[in-house]
Amino acid sequence: MSGFKQPDLVERQEAAAKAKKAALEKFRAKVADPALAERLTARTASAAEREAARKARETERAEQKARDAERAQQAAREAALAAERAKAESAERKLAAQAEQKAARDARYAARKSRSKRK
């Protein structure tokens, strides 16, 4: 086991410094790469397009919701008018039925009166 040596503090510090330097060089090489700039530009453009499409969908949803609400209000108004018309027609039928009943009652009364006068 004589071939294995533990690195001392200085060797570990030097190795860490070399690793940091290599990572920094790798990062600088990536940043200087023109293909990266193109990819970032394309990514930014596609993100802007997605955002615009999202806003358009959101606007369309809001408009659809407003149209649906307007339709619901119109349906409610129509239902209220139909209910009022039905109530008015019912009242008219009731008045007509009462008038018929009164006319029949009056006819019976008149018939009774005419029978009693004849006797």
PDB file of N, CA and C in Angstrom:
ATOM      1  N   MET A   1       0.804  -1.177   0.000  1.00  0.00           N
ATOM      2  CA  MET A   1       0.000   0.000   0.000  1.00  0.00           C
ATOM      3  C   MET A   1       0.850   1.244   0.000  1.00  0.00           C
ATOM      4  N   SER A   2       2.024   1.124  -0.394  1.00  0.00           N
ATOM      5  CA  SER A   2       2.905   2.283  -0.413  1.00  0.00           C
ATOM      6  C   SER A   2       2.604   3.211  -1.579  1.00  0.00           C
ATOM      7  N   GLY A   3       1.828   2.736  -2.602  1.00  0.00           N
ATOM      8  CA  GLY A   3       1.535   3.569  -3.757  1.00  0.00           C
ATOM      9  C   GLY A   3       0.467   4.629  -3.493  1.00  0.00           C
ATOM     10  N   PHE A   4      -0.299   4.502  -2.447  1.00  0.00           N
ATOM     11  CA  PHE A   4      -1.371   5.428  -2.161  1.00  0.00           C
ATOM     12  C   PHE A   4      -0.904   6.509  -1.211  1.00  0.00           C
ATOM     13  N   LYS A   5      -1.048   7.800  -1.631  1.00  0.00           N
ATOM     14  CA  LYS A   5      -0.711   8.898  -0.739  1.00  0.00           C
ATOM     15  C   LYS A   5      -1.915   9.839  -0.663  1.00  0.00           C
ATOM     16  N   GLN A   6      -2.111  10.331   0.477  1.00  0.00           N
ATOM     17  CA  GLN A   6      -3.179  11.307   0.629  1.00  0.00           C
ATOM     18  C   GLN A   6      -2.658  12.668   0.237  1.00  0.00           C
ATOM     19  N   PRO A   7      -3.462  13.408  -0.570  1.00  0.00           N
ATOM     20  CA  PRO A   7      -3.009  14.750  -0.927  1.00  0.00           C
ATOM     21  C   PRO A   7      -3.068  15.669   0.292  1.00  0.00           C
ATOM     22  N   ASP A   8      -2.064  16.493   0.376  1.00  0.00           N
ATOM     23  CA  ASP A   8      -2.055  17.427   1.511  1.00  0.00           C
ATOM     24  C   ASP A   8      -2.899  18.655   1.171  1.00  0.00           C
ATOM     25  N   LEU A   9      -2.959  19.609   2.070  1.00  0.00           N
ATOM     26  CA  LEU A   9      -3.823  20.778   1.930  1.00  0.00           C
ATOM     27  C   LEU A   9      -3.486  21.577   0.682  1.00  0.00           C
ATOM     28  N   VAL A  10      -2.242  21.802   0.403  1.00  0.00           N
ATOM     29  CA  VAL A  10      -1.836  22.633  -0.731  1.00  0.00           C
ATOM     30  C   VAL A  10      -2.250  21.973  -2.034  1.00  0.00           C
ATOM     31  N   GLU A  11      -2.063  20.665  -2.124  1.00  0.00           N
ATOM     32  CA  GLU A  11      -2.438  19.963  -3.349  1.00  0.00           C
ATOM     33  C   GLU A  11      -3.967  20.031  -3.555  1.00  0.00           C
ATOM     34  N   ARG A  12      -4.711  19.893  -2.499  1.00  0.00           N
ATOM     35  CA  ARG A  12      -6.171  19.981  -2.616  1.00  0.00           C
ATOM     36  C   ARG A  12      -6.607  21.376  -3.043  1.00  0.00           C
ATOM     37  N   GLN A  13      -5.963  22.406  -2.498  1.00  0.00           N
ATOM     38  CA  GLN A  13      -6.299  23.781  -2.873  1.00  0.00           C
ATOM     39  C   GLN A  13      -5.971  24.036  -4.338  1.00  0.00           C
ATOM     40  N   GLU A  14      -4.825  23.523  -4.792  1.00  0.00           N
ATOM     41  CA  GLU A  14      -4.434  23.698  -6.192  1.00  0.00           C
ATOM     42  C   GLU A  14      -5.415  22.978  -7.123  1.00  0.00           C
ATOM     43  N   ALA A  15      -5.828  21.790  -6.724  1.00  0.00           N
ATOM     44  CA  ALA A  15      -6.785  21.039  -7.542  1.00  0.00           C
ATOM     45  C   ALA A  15      -8.114  21.780  -7.617  1.00  0.00           C
ATOM     46  N   ALA A  16      -8.555  22.337  -6.513  1.00  0.00           N
ATOM     47  CA  ALA A  16      -9.806  23.093  -6.490  1.00  0.00           C
ATOM     48  C   ALA A  16      -9.695  24.339  -7.355  1.00  0.00           C
ATOM     49  N   ALA A  17      -8.548  25.026  -7.292  1.00  0.00           N
ATOM     50  CA  ALA A  17      -8.347  26.230  -8.100  1.00  0.00           C
ATOM     51  C   ALA A  17      -8.365  25.871  -9.585  1.00  0.00           C
ATOM     52  N   LYS A  18      -7.694  24.733  -9.942  1.00  0.00           N
ATOM     53  CA  LYS A  18      -7.682  24.302 -11.349  1.00  0.00           C
ATOM     54  C   LYS A  18      -9.101  23.970 -11.816  1.00  0.00           C
ATOM     55  N   ALA A  19      -9.883  23.325 -10.959  1.00  0.00           N
ATOM     56  CA  ALA A  19     -11.258  22.962 -11.321  1.00  0.00           C
ATOM     57  C   ALA A  19     -12.109  24.216 -11.521  1.00  0.00           C
ATOM     58  N   LYS A  20     -11.922  25.206 -10.648  1.00  0.00           N
ATOM     59  CA  LYS A  20     -12.664  26.459 -10.787  1.00  0.00           C
ATOM     60  C   LYS A  20     -12.280  27.173 -12.069  1.00  0.00           C
ATOM     61  N   LYS A  21     -10.987  27.182 -12.353  1.00  0.00           N
ATOM     62  CA  LYS A  21     -10.493  27.848 -13.557  1.00  0.00           C
ATOM     63  C   LYS A  21     -11.030  27.154 -14.810  1.00  0.00           C
ATOM     64  N   ALA A  22     -11.033  25.819 -14.796  1.00  0.00           N
ATOM     65  CA  ALA A  22     -11.543  25.071 -15.942  1.00  0.00           C
ATOM     66  C   ALA A  22     -13.034  25.339 -16.139  1.00  0.00           C
ATOM     67  N   ALA A  23     -13.789  25.393 -15.046  1.00  0.00           N
ATOM     68  CA  ALA A  23     -15.219  25.674 -15.139  1.00  0.00           C
ATOM     69  C   ALA A  23     -15.462  27.082 -15.675  1.00  0.00           C
ATOM     70  N   LEU A  24     -14.653  28.034 -15.230  1.00  0.00           N
ATOM     71  CA  LEU A  24     -14.776  29.401 -15.710  1.00  0.00           C
ATOM     72  C   LEU A  24     -14.462  29.496 -17.190  1.00  0.00           C
ATOM     73  N   GLU A  25     -13.420  28.809 -17.640  1.00  0.00           N
ATOM     74  CA  GLU A  25     -13.065  28.816 -19.060  1.00  0.00           C
ATOM     75  C   GLU A  25     -14.167  28.186 -19.902  1.00  0.00           C
ATOM     76  N   LYS A  26     -14.737  27.110 -19.382  1.00  0.00           N
ATOM     77  CA  LYS A  26     -15.825  26.440 -20.082  1.00  0.00           C
ATOM     78  C   LYS A  26     -17.028  27.374 -20.210  1.00  0.00           C
ATOM     79  N   PHE A  27     -17.351  28.099 -19.134  1.00  0.00           N
ATOM     80  CA  PHE A  27     -18.450  29.055 -19.150  1.00  0.00           C
ATOM     81  C   PHE A  27     -18.181  30.176 -20.136  1.00  0.00           C
ATOM     82  N   ARG A  28     -16.947  30.715 -20.122  1.00  0.00           N
ATOM     83  CA  ARG A  28     -16.594  31.801 -21.040  1.00  0.00           C
ATOM     84  C   ARG A  28     -16.678  31.336 -22.487  1.00  0.00           C
ATOM     85  N   ALA A  29     -16.281  30.096 -22.739  1.00  0.00           N
ATOM     86  CA  ALA A  29     -16.351  29.571 -24.104  1.00  0.00           C
ATOM     87  C   ALA A  29     -17.813  29.461 -24.549  1.00  0.00           C
ATOM     88  N   LYS A  30     -18.684  29.052 -23.632  1.00  0.00           N
ATOM     89  CA  LYS A  30     -20.102  28.948 -23.968  1.00  0.00           C
ATOM     90  C   LYS A  30     -20.705  30.323 -24.245  1.00  0.00           C
ATOM     91  N   VAL A  31     -20.340  31.287 -23.421  1.00  0.00           N
ATOM     92  CA  VAL A  31     -20.890  32.638 -23.580  1.00  0.00           C
ATOM     93  C   VAL A  31     -20.412  33.259 -24.880  1.00  0.00           C
ATOM     94  N   ALA A  32     -19.182  32.992 -25.265  1.00  0.00           N
ATOM     95  CA  ALA A  32     -18.622  33.571 -26.485  1.00  0.00           C
ATOM     96  C   ALA A  32     -19.128  32.863 -27.740  1.00  0.00           C
ATOM     97  N   ASP A  33     -19.770  31.722 -27.586  1.00  0.00           N
ATOM     98  CA  ASP A  33     -20.257  30.950 -28.728  1.00  0.00           C
ATOM     99  C   ASP A  33     -21.404  31.690 -29.421  1.00  0.00           C
ATOM    100  N   PRO A  34     -21.276  31.988 -30.738  1.00  0.00           N
ATOM    101  CA  PRO A  34     -22.355  32.700 -31.434  1.00  0.00           C
ATOM    102  C   PRO A  34     -23.624  31.844 -31.561  1.00  0.00           C
ATOM    103  N   ALA A  35     -23.499  30.541 -31.578  1.00  0.00           N
ATOM    104  CA  ALA A  35     -24.678  29.671 -31.663  1.00  0.00           C
ATOM    105  C   ALA A  35     -25.534  29.821 -30.404  1.00  0.00           C
ATOM    106  N   LEU A  36     -24.860  30.035 -29.278  1.00  0.00           N
ATOM    107  CA  LEU A  36     -25.610  30.237 -28.034  1.00  0.00           C
ATOM    108  C   LEU A  36     -26.450  31.507 -28.122  1.00  0.00           C
ATOM    109  N   ALA A  37     -25.864  32.555 -28.651  1.00  0.00           N
ATOM    110  CA  ALA A  37     -26.598  33.817 -28.798  1.00  0.00           C
ATOM    111  C   ALA A  37     -27.810  33.615 -29.702  1.00  0.00           C
ATOM    112  N   GLU A  38     -27.645  32.856 -30.777  1.00  0.00           N
ATOM    113  CA  GLU A  38     -28.768  32.593 -31.673  1.00  0.00           C
ATOM    114  C   GLU A  38     -29.851  31.780 -30.955  1.00  0.00           C
ATOM    115  N   ARG A  39     -29.427  30.784 -30.201  1.00  0.00           N
ATOM    116  CA  ARG A  39     -30.399  29.969 -29.466  1.00  0.00           C
ATOM    117  C   ARG A  39     -31.156  30.811 -28.437  1.00  0.00           C
ATOM    118  N   LEU A  40     -30.401  31.683 -27.742  1.00  0.00           N
ATOM    119  CA  LEU A  40     -31.062  32.542 -26.755  1.00  0.00           C
ATOM    120  C   LEU A  40     -32.053  33.489 -27.428  1.00  0.00           C
ATOM    121  N   THR A  41     -31.665  34.036 -28.590  1.00  0.00           N
ATOM    122  CA  THR A  41     -32.556  34.931 -29.327  1.00  0.00           C
ATOM    123  C   THR A  41     -33.800  34.169 -29.772  1.00  0.00           C
ATOM    124  N   ALA A  42     -33.594  32.960 -30.293  1.00  0.00           N
ATOM    125  CA  ALA A  42     -34.728  32.154 -30.735  1.00  0.00           C
ATOM    126  C   ALA A  42     -35.625  31.795 -29.551  1.00  0.00           C
ATOM    127  N   ARG A  43     -35.009  31.469 -28.428  1.00  0.00           N
ATOM    128  CA  ARG A  43     -35.777  31.116 -27.230  1.00  0.00           C
ATOM    129  C   ARG A  43     -36.588  32.316 -26.755  1.00  0.00           C
ATOM    130  N   THR A  44     -35.964  33.493 -26.760  1.00  0.00           N
ATOM    131  CA  THR A  44     -36.669  34.709 -26.344  1.00  0.00           C
ATOM    132  C   THR A  44     -37.826  35.005 -27.284  1.00  0.00           C
ATOM    133  N   ALA A  45     -37.587  34.848 -28.595  1.00  0.00           N
ATOM    134  CA  ALA A  45     -38.648  35.100 -29.572  1.00  0.00           C
ATOM    135  C   ALA A  45     -39.801  34.115 -29.396  1.00  0.00           C
ATOM    136  N   SER A  46     -39.474  32.840 -29.193  1.00  0.00           N
ATOM    137  CA  SER A  46     -40.541  31.858 -29.023  1.00  0.00           C
ATOM    138  C   SER A  46     -41.296  32.106 -27.711  1.00  0.00           C
ATOM    139  N   ALA A  47     -40.590  32.542 -26.690  1.00  0.00           N
ATOM    140  CA  ALA A  47     -41.254  32.863 -25.422  1.00  0.00           C
ATOM    141  C   ALA A  47     -42.209  34.042 -25.614  1.00  0.00           C
ATOM    142  N   ALA A  48     -41.780  35.034 -26.389  1.00  0.00           N
ATOM    143  CA  ALA A  48     -42.646  36.187 -26.661  1.00  0.00           C
ATOM    144  C   ALA A  48     -43.879  35.746 -27.450  1.00  0.00           C
ATOM    145  N   GLU A  49     -43.685  34.845 -28.417  1.00  0.00           N
ATOM    146  CA  GLU A  49     -44.818  34.344 -29.198  1.00  0.00           C
ATOM    147  C   GLU A  49     -45.790  33.569 -28.307  1.00  0.00           C
ATOM    148  N   ARG A  50     -45.238  32.743 -27.434  1.00  0.00           N
ATOM    149  CA  ARG A  50     -46.104  31.991 -26.524  1.00  0.00           C
ATOM    150  C   ARG A  50     -46.890  32.936 -25.617  1.00  0.00           C
ATOM    151  N   GLU A  51     -46.225  33.967 -25.132  1.00  0.00           N
ATOM    152  CA  GLU A  51     -46.884  34.939 -24.258  1.00  0.00           C
ATOM    153  C   GLU A  51     -47.997  35.668 -25.013  1.00  0.00           C
ATOM    154  N   ALA A  52     -47.713  36.050 -26.275  1.00  0.00           N
ATOM    155  CA  ALA A  52     -48.730  36.729 -27.080  1.00  0.00           C
ATOM    156  C   ALA A  52     -49.916  35.796 -27.330  1.00  0.00           C
ATOM    157  N   ALA A  53     -49.639  34.529 -27.623  1.00  0.00           N
ATOM    158  CA  ALA A  53     -50.717  33.567 -27.852  1.00  0.00           C
ATOM    159  C   ALA A  53     -51.518  33.352 -26.570  1.00  0.00           C
ATOM    160  N   ARG A  54     -50.827  33.302 -25.435  1.00  0.00           N
ATOM    161  CA  ARG A  54     -51.519  33.127 -24.155  1.00  0.00           C
ATOM    162  C   ARG A  54     -52.441  34.315 -23.878  1.00  0.00           C
ATOM    163  N   LYS A  55     -51.929  35.522 -24.134  1.00  0.00           N
ATOM    164  CA  LYS A  55     -52.752  36.717 -23.914  1.00  0.00           C
ATOM    165  C   LYS A  55     -53.953  36.727 -24.857  1.00  0.00           C
ATOM    166  N   ALA A  56     -53.737  36.302 -26.112  1.00  0.00           N
ATOM    167  CA  ALA A  56     -54.846  36.246 -27.064  1.00  0.00           C
ATOM    168  C   ALA A  56     -55.896  35.246 -26.599  1.00  0.00           C
ATOM    169  N   ARG A  57     -55.464  34.081 -26.119  1.00  0.00           N
ATOM    170  CA  ARG A  57     -56.417  33.085 -25.606  1.00  0.00           C
ATOM    171  C   ARG A  57     -57.159  33.634 -24.393  1.00  0.00           C
ATOM    172  N   GLU A  58     -56.429  34.313 -23.535  1.00  0.00           N
ATOM    173  CA  GLU A  58     -57.040  34.886 -22.331  1.00  0.00           C
ATOM    174  C   GLU A  58     -58.091  35.931 -22.706  1.00  0.00           C
ATOM    175  N   THR A  59     -57.755  36.766 -23.689  1.00  0.00           N
ATOM    176  CA  THR A  59     -58.691  37.786 -24.154  1.00  0.00           C
ATOM    177  C   THR A  59     -59.916  37.131 -24.770  1.00  0.00           C
ATOM    178  N   GLU A  60     -59.691  36.101 -25.581  1.00  0.00           N
ATOM    179  CA  GLU A  60     -60.808  35.391 -26.206  1.00  0.00           C
ATOM    180  C   GLU A  60     -61.712  34.755 -25.153  1.00  0.00           C
ATOM    181  N   ARG A  61     -61.093  34.164 -24.121  1.00  0.00           N
ATOM    182  CA  ARG A  61     -61.886  33.575 -23.036  1.00  0.00           C
ATOM    183  C   ARG A  61     -62.719  34.636 -22.329  1.00  0.00           C
ATOM    184  N   ALA A  62     -62.108  35.794 -22.078  1.00  0.00           N
ATOM    185  CA  ALA A  62     -62.835  36.867 -21.402  1.00  0.00           C
ATOM    186  C   ALA A  62     -64.003  37.351 -22.267  1.00  0.00           C
ATOM    187  N   GLU A  63     -63.763  37.489 -23.584  1.00  0.00           N
ATOM    188  CA  GLU A  63     -64.834  37.919 -24.476  1.00  0.00           C
ATOM    189  C   GLU A  63     -65.939  36.871 -24.527  1.00  0.00           C
ATOM    190  N   GLN A  64     -65.558  35.597 -24.584  1.00  0.00           N
ATOM    191  CA  GLN A  64     -66.554  34.519 -24.604  1.00  0.00           C
ATOM    192  C   GLN A  64     -67.372  34.521 -23.320  1.00  0.00           C
ATOM    193  N   LYS A  65     -66.691  34.757 -22.200  1.00  0.00           N
ATOM    194  CA  LYS A  65     -67.386  34.804 -20.918  1.00  0.00           C
ATOM    195  C   LYS A  65     -68.380  35.966 -20.899  1.00  0.00           C
ATOM    196  N   ALA A  66     -67.976  37.112 -21.445  1.00  0.00           N
ATOM    197  CA  ALA A  66     -68.872  38.270 -21.498  1.00  0.00           C
ATOM    198  C   ALA A  66     -70.070  37.968 -22.405  1.00  0.00           C
ATOM    199  N   ARG A  67     -69.818  37.311 -23.556  1.00  0.00           N
ATOM    200  CA  ARG A  67     -70.925  36.960 -24.454  1.00  0.00           C
ATOM    201  C   ARG A  67     -71.882  35.982 -23.769  1.00  0.00           C
ATOM    202  N   ASP A  68     -71.320  35.005 -23.071  1.00  0.00           N
ATOM    203  CA  ASP A  68     -72.157  34.042 -22.364  1.00  0.00           C
ATOM    204  C   ASP A  68     -72.990  34.728 -21.283  1.00  0.00           C
ATOM    205  N   ALA A  69     -72.374  35.662 -20.569  1.00  0.00           N
ATOM    206  CA  ALA A  69     -73.107  36.388 -19.527  1.00  0.00           C
ATOM    207  C   ALA A  69     -74.235  37.209 -20.148  1.00  0.00           C
ATOM    208  N   GLU A  70     -73.965  37.837 -21.292  1.00  0.00           N
ATOM    209  CA  GLU A  70     -74.989  38.629 -21.977  1.00  0.00           C
ATOM    210  C   GLU A  70     -76.134  37.722 -22.436  1.00  0.00           C
ATOM    211  N   ARG A  71     -75.779  36.542 -22.975  1.00  0.00           N
ATOM    212  CA  ARG A  71     -76.821  35.603 -23.395  1.00  0.00           C
ATOM    213  C   ARG A  71     -77.662  35.154 -22.199  1.00  0.00           C
ATOM    214  N   ALA A  72     -77.003  34.907 -21.081  1.00  0.00           N
ATOM    215  CA  ALA A  72     -77.726  34.481 -19.878  1.00  0.00           C
ATOM    216  C   ALA A  72     -78.665  35.591 -19.401  1.00  0.00           C
ATOM    217  N   GLN A  73     -78.200  36.840 -19.441  1.00  0.00           N
ATOM    218  CA  GLN A  73     -79.048  37.955 -19.037  1.00  0.00           C
ATOM    219  C   GLN A  73     -80.239  38.087 -19.984  1.00  0.00           C
ATOM    220  N   GLN A  74     -79.981  37.932 -21.299  1.00  0.00           N
ATOM    221  CA  GLN A  74     -81.058  38.024 -22.281  1.00  0.00           C
ATOM    222  C   GLN A  74     -82.076  36.910 -22.049  1.00  0.00           C
ATOM    223  N   ALA A  75     -81.584  35.698 -21.783  1.00  0.00           N
ATOM    224  CA  ALA A  75     -82.490  34.577 -21.515  1.00  0.00           C
ATOM    225  C   ALA A  75     -83.309  34.840 -20.255  1.00  0.00           C
ATOM    226  N   ALA A  76     -82.690  35.415 -19.243  1.00  0.00           N
ATOM    227  CA  ALA A  76     -83.406  35.727 -18.004  1.00  0.00           C
ATOM    228  C   ALA A  76     -84.482  36.784 -18.267  1.00  0.00           C
ATOM    229  N   ARG A  77     -84.138  37.804 -19.074  1.00  0.00           N
ATOM    230  CA  ARG A  77     -85.132  38.836 -19.405  1.00  0.00           C
ATOM    231  C   ARG A  77     -86.300  38.224 -20.181  1.00  0.00           C
ATOM    232  N   GLU A  78     -85.977  37.357 -21.161  1.00  0.00           N
ATOM    233  CA  GLU A  78     -87.030  36.717 -21.943  1.00  0.00           C
ATOM    234  C   GLU A  78     -87.904  35.826 -21.061  1.00  0.00           C
ATOM    235  N   ALA A  79     -87.281  35.104 -20.138  1.00  0.00           N
ATOM    236  CA  ALA A  79     -88.041  34.248 -19.230  1.00  0.00           C
ATOM    237  C   ALA A  79     -88.955  35.100 -18.350  1.00  0.00           C
ATOM    238  N   ALA A  80     -88.458  36.238 -17.884  1.00  0.00           N
ATOM    239  CA  ALA A  80     -89.278  37.117 -17.050  1.00  0.00           C
ATOM    240  C   ALA A  80     -90.455  37.666 -17.853  1.00  0.00           C
ATOM    241  N   LEU A  81     -90.201  38.052 -19.118  1.00  0.00           N
ATOM    242  CA  LEU A  81     -91.290  38.552 -19.960  1.00  0.00           C
ATOM    243  C   LEU A  81     -92.308  37.452 -20.231  1.00  0.00           C
ATOM    244  N   ALA A  82     -91.839  36.235 -20.491  1.00  0.00           N
ATOM    245  CA  ALA A  82     -92.752  35.123 -20.728  1.00  0.00           C
ATOM    246  C   ALA A  82     -93.588  34.844 -19.483  1.00  0.00           C
ATOM    247  N   ALA A  83     -92.974  34.917 -18.320  1.00  0.00           N
ATOM    248  CA  ALA A  83     -93.704  34.700 -17.077  1.00  0.00           C
ATOM    249  C   ALA A  83     -94.762  35.782 -16.879  1.00  0.00           C
ATOM    250  N   GLU A  84     -94.409  37.024 -17.190  1.00  0.00           N
ATOM    251  CA  GLU A  84     -95.380  38.111 -17.057  1.00  0.00           C
ATOM    252  C   GLU A  84     -96.542  37.921 -18.024  1.00  0.00           C
ATOM    253  N   ARG A  85     -96.196  37.534 -19.288  1.00  0.00           N
ATOM    254  CA  ARG A  85     -97.251  37.295 -20.271  1.00  0.00           C
ATOM    255  C   ARG A  85     -98.161  36.152 -19.822  1.00  0.00           C
ATOM    256  N   ALA A  86     -97.551  35.081 -19.317  1.00  0.00           N
ATOM    257  CA  ALA A  86     -98.346  33.939 -18.855  1.00  0.00           C
ATOM    258  C   ALA A  86     -99.246  34.350 -17.697  1.00  0.00           C
ATOM    259  N   LYS A  87     -98.724  35.171 -16.805  1.00  0.00           N
ATOM    260  CA  LYS A  87     -99.521  35.638 -15.665  1.00  0.00           C
ATOM    261  C   LYS A  87    -100.680  36.511 -16.149  1.00  0.00           C
ATOM    262  N   ALA A  88    -100.399  37.385 -17.117  1.00  0.00           N
ATOM    263  CA  ALA A  88    -101.445  38.257 -17.650  1.00  0.00           C
ATOM    264  C   ALA A  88    -102.508  37.428 -18.375  1.00  0.00           C
ATOM    265  N   GLU A  89    -102.065  36.439 -19.160  1.00  0.00           N
ATOM    266  CA  GLU A  89    -103.027  35.585 -19.867  1.00  0.00           C
ATOM    267  C   GLU A  89    -103.876  34.796 -18.869  1.00  0.00           C
ATOM    268  N   SER A  90    -103.244  34.318 -17.822  1.00  0.00           N
ATOM    269  CA  SER A  90    -103.973  33.582 -16.795  1.00  0.00           C
ATOM    270  C   SER A  90    -105.013  34.480 -16.140  1.00  0.00           C
ATOM    271  N   ALA A  91    -104.627  35.709 -15.872  1.00  0.00           N
ATOM    272  CA  ALA A  91    -105.573  36.650 -15.261  1.00  0.00           C
ATOM    273  C   ALA A  91    -106.722  36.934 -16.219  1.00  0.00           C
ATOM    274  N   GLU A  92    -106.410  37.090 -17.516  1.00  0.00           N
ATOM    275  CA  GLU A  92    -107.466  37.332 -18.505  1.00  0.00           C
ATOM    276  C   GLU A  92    -108.411  36.143 -18.592  1.00  0.00           C
ATOM    277  N   ARG A  93    -107.855  34.917 -18.598  1.00  0.00           N
ATOM    278  CA  ARG A  93    -108.697  33.723 -18.659  1.00  0.00           C
ATOM    279  C   ARG A  93    -109.585  33.638 -17.416  1.00  0.00           C
ATOM    280  N   LYS A  94    -109.000  33.982 -16.280  1.00  0.00           N
ATOM    281  CA  LYS A  94    -109.769  33.936 -15.030  1.00  0.00           C
ATOM    282  C   LYS A  94    -110.920  34.943 -15.088  1.00  0.00           C
ATOM    283  N   LEU A  95    -110.629  36.160 -15.584  1.00  0.00           N
ATOM    284  CA  LEU A  95    -111.684  37.166 -15.708  1.00  0.00           C
ATOM    285  C   LEU A  95    -112.749  36.717 -16.697  1.00  0.00           C
ATOM    286  N   ALA A  96    -112.306  36.098 -17.819  1.00  0.00           N
ATOM    287  CA  ALA A  96    -113.274  35.623 -18.808  1.00  0.00           C
ATOM    288  C   ALA A  96    -114.134  34.515 -18.215  1.00  0.00           C
ATOM    289  N   ALA A  97    -113.521  33.615 -17.453  1.00  0.00           N
ATOM    290  CA  ALA A  97    -114.287  32.540 -16.824  1.00  0.00           C
ATOM    291  C   ALA A  97    -115.275  33.110 -15.819  1.00  0.00           C
ATOM    292  N   GLN A  98    -114.852  34.102 -15.064  1.00  0.00           N
ATOM    293  CA  GLN A  98    -115.759  34.725 -14.096  1.00  0.00           C
ATOM    294  C   GLN A  98    -116.921  35.420 -14.809  1.00  0.00           C
ATOM    295  N   ALA A  99    -116.617  36.057 -15.943  1.00  0.00           N
ATOM    296  CA  ALA A  99    -117.674  36.732 -16.707  1.00  0.00           C
ATOM    297  C   ALA A  99    -118.663  35.708 -17.250  1.00  0.00           C
ATOM    298  N   GLU A 100    -118.141  34.566 -17.736  1.00  0.00           N
ATOM    299  CA  GLU A 100    -119.033  33.513 -18.230  1.00  0.00           C
ATOM    300  C   GLU A 100    -119.908  32.974 -17.100  1.00  0.00           C
ATOM    301  N   GLN A 101    -119.292  32.764 -15.938  1.00  0.00           N
ATOM    302  CA  GLN A 101    -120.053  32.260 -14.798  1.00  0.00           C
ATOM    303  C   GLN A 101    -121.149  33.254 -14.398  1.00  0.00           C
ATOM    304  N   LYS A 102    -120.797  34.535 -14.421  1.00  0.00           N
ATOM    305  CA  LYS A 102    -121.776  35.561 -14.063  1.00  0.00           C
ATOM    306  C   LYS A 102    -122.898  35.588 -15.090  1.00  0.00           C
ATOM    307  N   ALA A 103    -122.534  35.468 -16.363  1.00  0.00           N
ATOM    308  CA  ALA A 103    -123.563  35.477 -17.412  1.00  0.00           C
ATOM    309  C   ALA A 103    -124.472  34.262 -17.257  1.00  0.00           C
ATOM    310  N   ALA A 104    -123.899  33.102 -16.953  1.00  0.00           N
ATOM    311  CA  ALA A 104    -124.721  31.901 -16.763  1.00  0.00           C
ATOM    312  C   ALA A 104    -125.606  32.052 -15.546  1.00  0.00           C
ATOM    313  N   ARG A 105    -125.077  32.613 -14.475  1.00  0.00           N
ATOM    314  CA  ARG A 105    -125.853  32.824 -13.257  1.00  0.00           C
ATOM    315  C   ARG A 105    -126.994  33.812 -13.531  1.00  0.00           C
ATOM    316  N   ASP A 106    -126.642  34.891 -14.246  1.00  0.00           N
ATOM    317  CA  ASP A 106    -127.678  35.877 -14.568  1.00  0.00           C
ATOM    318  C   ASP A 106    -128.756  35.261 -15.450  1.00  0.00           C
ATOM    319  N   ALA A 107    -128.340  34.384 -16.377  1.00  0.00           N
ATOM    320  CA  ALA A 107    -129.322  33.740 -17.257  1.00  0.00           C
ATOM    321  C   ALA A 107    -130.234  32.839 -16.442  1.00  0.00           C
ATOM    322  N   ARG A 108    -129.681  32.095 -15.497  1.00  0.00           N
ATOM    323  CA  ARG A 108    -130.501  31.243 -14.641  1.00  0.00           C
ATOM    324  C   ARG A 108    -131.463  32.082 -13.802  1.00  0.00           C
ATOM    325  N   TYR A 109    -130.943  33.189 -13.280  1.00  0.00           N
ATOM    326  CA  TYR A 109    -131.772  34.077 -12.465  1.00  0.00           C
ATOM    327  C   TYR A 109    -132.910  34.652 -13.308  1.00  0.00           C
ATOM    328  N   ALA A 110    -132.590  35.076 -14.519  1.00  0.00           N
ATOM    329  CA  ALA A 110    -133.610  35.643 -15.403  1.00  0.00           C
ATOM    330  C   ALA A 110    -134.639  34.575 -15.763  1.00  0.00           C
ATOM    331  N   ALA A 111    -134.183  33.355 -15.993  1.00  0.00           N
ATOM    332  CA  ALA A 111    -135.118  32.272 -16.325  1.00  0.00           C
ATOM    333  C   ALA A 111    -136.044  32.002 -15.148  1.00  0.00           C
ATOM    334  N   ARG A 112    -135.494  32.001 -13.953  1.00  0.00           N
ATOM    335  CA  ARG A 112    -136.299  31.785 -12.763  1.00  0.00           C
ATOM    336  C   ARG A 112    -137.337  32.892 -12.607  1.00  0.00           C
ATOM    337  N   LYS A 113    -136.897  34.120 -12.843  1.00  0.00           N
ATOM    338  CA  LYS A 113    -137.794  35.272 -12.709  1.00  0.00           C
ATOM    339  C   LYS A 113    -138.919  35.186 -13.740  1.00  0.00           C
ATOM    340  N   SER A 114    -138.542  34.776 -14.978  1.00  0.00           N
ATOM    341  CA  SER A 114    -139.568  34.734 -16.020  1.00  0.00           C
ATOM    342  C   SER A 114    -140.557  33.610 -15.736  1.00  0.00           C
ATOM    343  N   ARG A 115    -140.100  32.497 -15.124  1.00  0.00           N
ATOM    344  CA  ARG A 115    -141.005  31.407 -14.772  1.00  0.00           C
ATOM    345  C   ARG A 115    -141.962  31.836 -13.672  1.00  0.00           C
ATOM    346  N   SER A 116    -141.431  32.573 -12.690  1.00  0.00           N
ATOM    347  CA  SER A 116    -142.297  32.982 -11.581  1.00  0.00           C
ATOM    348  C   SER A 116    -143.287  34.061 -12.040  1.00  0.00           C
ATOM    349  N   LYS A 117    -142.971  34.846 -13.021  1.00  0.00           N
ATOM    350  CA  LYS A 117    -143.887  35.885 -13.516  1.00  0.00           C
ATOM    351  C   LYS A 117    -144.990  35.249 -14.356  1.00  0.00           C
ATOM    352  N   ARG A 118    -144.683  34.164 -15.014  1.00  0.00           N
ATOM    353  CA  ARG A 118    -145.679  33.511 -15.857  1.00  0.00           C
ATOM    354  C   ARG A 118    -146.746  32.832 -15.026  1.00  0.00           C
ATOM    355  N   LYS A 119    -146.464  32.410 -13.875  1.00  0.00           N
ATOM    356  CA  LYS A 119    -147.400  31.669 -13.046  1.00  0.00           C
ATOM    357  C   LYS A 119    -148.435  32.529 -12.459  1.00  0.00           C
TER     358      LYS A 119
END
